[in-house]
N, C-alpha and C. Protein backbone atom coordinates (compact mmCIF):
# COMPACT_ATOMS: atom_id res chain seq x y z
N MET A 1 64.89 99.73 79.62
CA MET A 1 63.60 100.18 79.18
C MET A 1 62.55 99.16 79.61
N ARG A 2 61.37 99.67 79.87
CA ARG A 2 60.27 98.78 80.23
C ARG A 2 59.16 98.97 79.21
N LEU A 3 58.76 97.89 78.56
CA LEU A 3 57.71 97.93 77.55
C LEU A 3 56.37 97.59 78.18
N GLN A 4 55.30 98.19 77.66
CA GLN A 4 53.97 97.89 78.16
C GLN A 4 53.60 96.45 77.85
N GLY A 5 52.97 95.79 78.80
CA GLY A 5 52.50 94.43 78.59
C GLY A 5 53.57 93.37 78.76
N ILE A 6 54.81 93.78 79.08
CA ILE A 6 55.91 92.84 79.29
C ILE A 6 56.54 93.20 80.63
N SER A 7 56.66 92.23 81.53
CA SER A 7 57.11 92.54 82.88
C SER A 7 58.62 92.56 83.05
N LYS A 8 59.36 92.39 81.98
CA LYS A 8 60.81 92.34 82.12
C LYS A 8 61.44 93.61 81.56
N GLU A 9 62.62 93.95 82.07
CA GLU A 9 63.34 95.14 81.59
C GLU A 9 64.26 94.77 80.44
N PHE A 10 64.40 95.71 79.51
CA PHE A 10 65.26 95.51 78.34
C PHE A 10 66.28 96.63 78.26
N LYS A 11 67.38 96.36 77.60
CA LYS A 11 68.37 97.38 77.34
C LYS A 11 68.01 98.04 76.01
N GLY A 12 67.94 99.36 75.99
CA GLY A 12 67.63 100.09 74.77
C GLY A 12 68.89 100.41 73.98
N VAL A 13 68.76 100.42 72.66
CA VAL A 13 69.86 100.81 71.77
C VAL A 13 69.34 101.92 70.86
N GLU A 14 70.24 102.79 70.40
CA GLU A 14 69.84 103.86 69.51
C GLU A 14 69.44 103.28 68.16
N ALA A 15 68.45 103.90 67.54
CA ALA A 15 67.97 103.43 66.23
C ALA A 15 69.09 103.42 65.20
N SER A 16 70.06 104.31 65.32
CA SER A 16 71.16 104.37 64.36
C SER A 16 72.07 103.14 64.41
N SER A 17 72.00 102.36 65.49
CA SER A 17 72.85 101.17 65.60
C SER A 17 72.19 99.92 65.02
N LEU A 18 70.92 100.03 64.60
CA LEU A 18 70.21 98.88 64.02
C LEU A 18 70.74 98.57 62.62
N LYS A 19 70.62 97.31 62.22
CA LYS A 19 71.09 96.85 60.91
C LYS A 19 69.97 96.06 60.24
N ILE A 20 70.11 95.88 58.94
CA ILE A 20 69.14 95.07 58.20
C ILE A 20 69.17 93.65 58.76
N GLY A 21 68.00 93.08 58.99
CA GLY A 21 67.89 91.75 59.56
C GLY A 21 67.65 91.72 61.06
N ASP A 22 67.88 92.86 61.74
CA ASP A 22 67.62 92.93 63.18
C ASP A 22 66.13 92.82 63.47
N ILE A 23 65.81 92.29 64.64
CA ILE A 23 64.44 92.17 65.11
C ILE A 23 64.25 93.17 66.25
N THR A 24 63.21 94.01 66.16
CA THR A 24 62.91 94.95 67.23
C THR A 24 61.65 94.49 67.96
N ILE A 25 61.58 94.82 69.25
CA ILE A 25 60.44 94.45 70.08
C ILE A 25 59.77 95.74 70.55
N TRP A 26 58.44 95.77 70.47
CA TRP A 26 57.65 96.93 70.86
C TRP A 26 56.69 96.53 71.97
N ASN A 27 55.85 97.45 72.39
CA ASN A 27 54.89 97.17 73.46
C ASN A 27 54.07 95.91 73.17
N TYR A 28 53.77 95.19 74.23
CA TYR A 28 52.97 93.95 74.19
C TYR A 28 53.64 92.85 73.37
N GLY A 29 54.95 92.92 73.20
CA GLY A 29 55.70 91.85 72.54
C GLY A 29 55.64 91.87 71.03
N TYR A 30 55.11 92.93 70.42
CA TYR A 30 55.03 93.04 68.97
C TYR A 30 56.45 93.09 68.39
N LYS A 31 56.75 92.23 67.43
CA LYS A 31 58.10 92.14 66.86
C LYS A 31 58.09 92.48 65.38
N GLU A 32 59.17 93.15 64.94
CA GLU A 32 59.34 93.53 63.54
C GLU A 32 60.76 93.21 63.09
N GLU A 33 60.89 92.82 61.83
CA GLU A 33 62.20 92.59 61.23
C GLU A 33 62.51 93.74 60.28
N ILE A 34 63.73 94.27 60.35
CA ILE A 34 64.13 95.37 59.49
C ILE A 34 64.58 94.81 58.14
N LEU A 35 63.92 95.26 57.08
CA LEU A 35 64.24 94.79 55.73
C LEU A 35 65.16 95.77 54.99
N GLU A 36 64.91 97.06 55.15
CA GLU A 36 65.71 98.11 54.52
C GLU A 36 65.75 99.32 55.43
N MET A 37 66.75 100.17 55.26
CA MET A 37 66.82 101.40 56.03
C MET A 37 67.47 102.50 55.21
N TYR A 38 66.92 103.70 55.32
CA TYR A 38 67.41 104.86 54.59
C TYR A 38 67.53 106.04 55.53
N TYR A 39 68.69 106.70 55.52
CA TYR A 39 68.89 107.91 56.32
C TYR A 39 68.35 109.12 55.57
N SER A 40 67.89 110.12 56.31
CA SER A 40 67.50 111.39 55.70
C SER A 40 68.77 112.13 55.28
N LYS A 41 68.60 113.21 54.54
CA LYS A 41 69.77 113.99 54.10
C LYS A 41 70.58 114.50 55.27
N SER A 42 69.91 114.91 56.34
CA SER A 42 70.61 115.45 57.51
C SER A 42 71.14 114.37 58.44
N LYS A 43 70.77 113.11 58.19
CA LYS A 43 71.17 111.95 59.02
C LYS A 43 70.55 111.98 60.41
N LYS A 44 69.54 112.84 60.62
CA LYS A 44 68.88 112.91 61.93
C LYS A 44 67.76 111.90 62.06
N THR A 45 67.17 111.48 60.95
CA THR A 45 66.10 110.49 61.00
C THR A 45 66.42 109.32 60.06
N ILE A 46 65.79 108.19 60.37
CA ILE A 46 65.98 106.98 59.57
C ILE A 46 64.61 106.44 59.21
N ASN A 47 64.43 106.07 57.96
CA ASN A 47 63.20 105.41 57.51
C ASN A 47 63.50 103.93 57.38
N PHE A 48 62.71 103.11 58.05
CA PHE A 48 62.88 101.67 58.03
C PHE A 48 61.75 101.03 57.24
N LYS A 49 62.07 100.07 56.39
CA LYS A 49 61.05 99.21 55.78
C LYS A 49 61.05 97.97 56.65
N ILE A 50 59.89 97.67 57.26
CA ILE A 50 59.83 96.61 58.25
C ILE A 50 58.75 95.59 57.92
N LYS A 51 58.97 94.38 58.43
CA LYS A 51 58.01 93.30 58.25
C LYS A 51 57.54 92.86 59.63
N SER A 52 56.23 92.84 59.82
CA SER A 52 55.64 92.38 61.07
C SER A 52 55.81 90.88 61.17
N LEU A 53 56.29 90.39 62.30
CA LEU A 53 56.45 88.96 62.49
C LEU A 53 55.16 88.30 62.94
N SER A 54 54.15 89.11 63.31
CA SER A 54 52.88 88.52 63.73
C SER A 54 51.94 88.24 62.56
N ASN A 55 51.94 89.12 61.54
CA ASN A 55 51.02 88.89 60.43
C ASN A 55 51.68 88.99 59.05
N GLY A 56 52.96 89.29 58.99
CA GLY A 56 53.69 89.32 57.72
C GLY A 56 53.53 90.57 56.89
N SER A 57 52.80 91.58 57.41
CA SER A 57 52.62 92.81 56.64
C SER A 57 53.91 93.61 56.59
N ILE A 58 54.07 94.36 55.51
CA ILE A 58 55.27 95.17 55.32
C ILE A 58 54.84 96.63 55.28
N HIS A 59 55.54 97.47 56.07
CA HIS A 59 55.25 98.89 56.11
C HIS A 59 56.51 99.65 56.48
N THR A 60 56.40 100.97 56.65
CA THR A 60 57.57 101.78 56.98
C THR A 60 57.41 102.39 58.37
N ARG A 61 58.53 102.71 58.97
CA ARG A 61 58.56 103.37 60.28
C ARG A 61 59.69 104.40 60.23
N GLN A 62 59.41 105.60 60.68
CA GLN A 62 60.42 106.65 60.72
C GLN A 62 60.76 106.96 62.17
N LEU A 63 62.07 106.96 62.48
CA LEU A 63 62.53 107.24 63.84
C LEU A 63 63.70 108.22 63.79
N ARG A 64 63.83 109.00 64.84
CA ARG A 64 65.05 109.81 64.99
C ARG A 64 66.22 108.86 65.23
N ALA A 65 67.39 109.21 64.77
CA ALA A 65 68.55 108.34 64.91
C ALA A 65 68.91 108.07 66.37
N THR A 66 68.53 108.99 67.26
CA THR A 66 68.87 108.85 68.69
C THR A 66 67.78 108.18 69.51
N THR A 67 66.66 107.82 68.90
CA THR A 67 65.57 107.18 69.63
C THR A 67 65.99 105.81 70.15
N LEU A 68 65.69 105.53 71.40
CA LEU A 68 66.02 104.22 71.97
C LEU A 68 64.94 103.21 71.61
N VAL A 69 65.38 102.05 71.15
CA VAL A 69 64.47 100.95 70.80
C VAL A 69 65.01 99.66 71.42
N VAL A 70 64.16 98.66 71.52
CA VAL A 70 64.58 97.37 72.07
C VAL A 70 64.88 96.43 70.91
N LYS A 71 66.09 95.89 70.92
CA LYS A 71 66.54 94.96 69.89
C LYS A 71 66.54 93.55 70.49
N SER A 72 65.98 92.61 69.76
CA SER A 72 65.94 91.23 70.23
C SER A 72 67.35 90.67 70.28
N GLN A 73 67.61 89.87 71.29
CA GLN A 73 68.95 89.29 71.47
C GLN A 73 69.19 88.13 70.55
């Protein structure tokens, strides 16, 4: 995967393979730490409680379980 604002390629992983404590990387190097995760009843989507590593804010993000995301090594 190639993220905007970052000139290097990353390997994407499915959102369903993420665990609490993992760090995800988004466009322009924005990083988030996963604090909690909850599956929907159908297990098709996952709600993540995340903490921004740039400003410390906590919010939620909903993704399909099959969505590819970049996980920090």
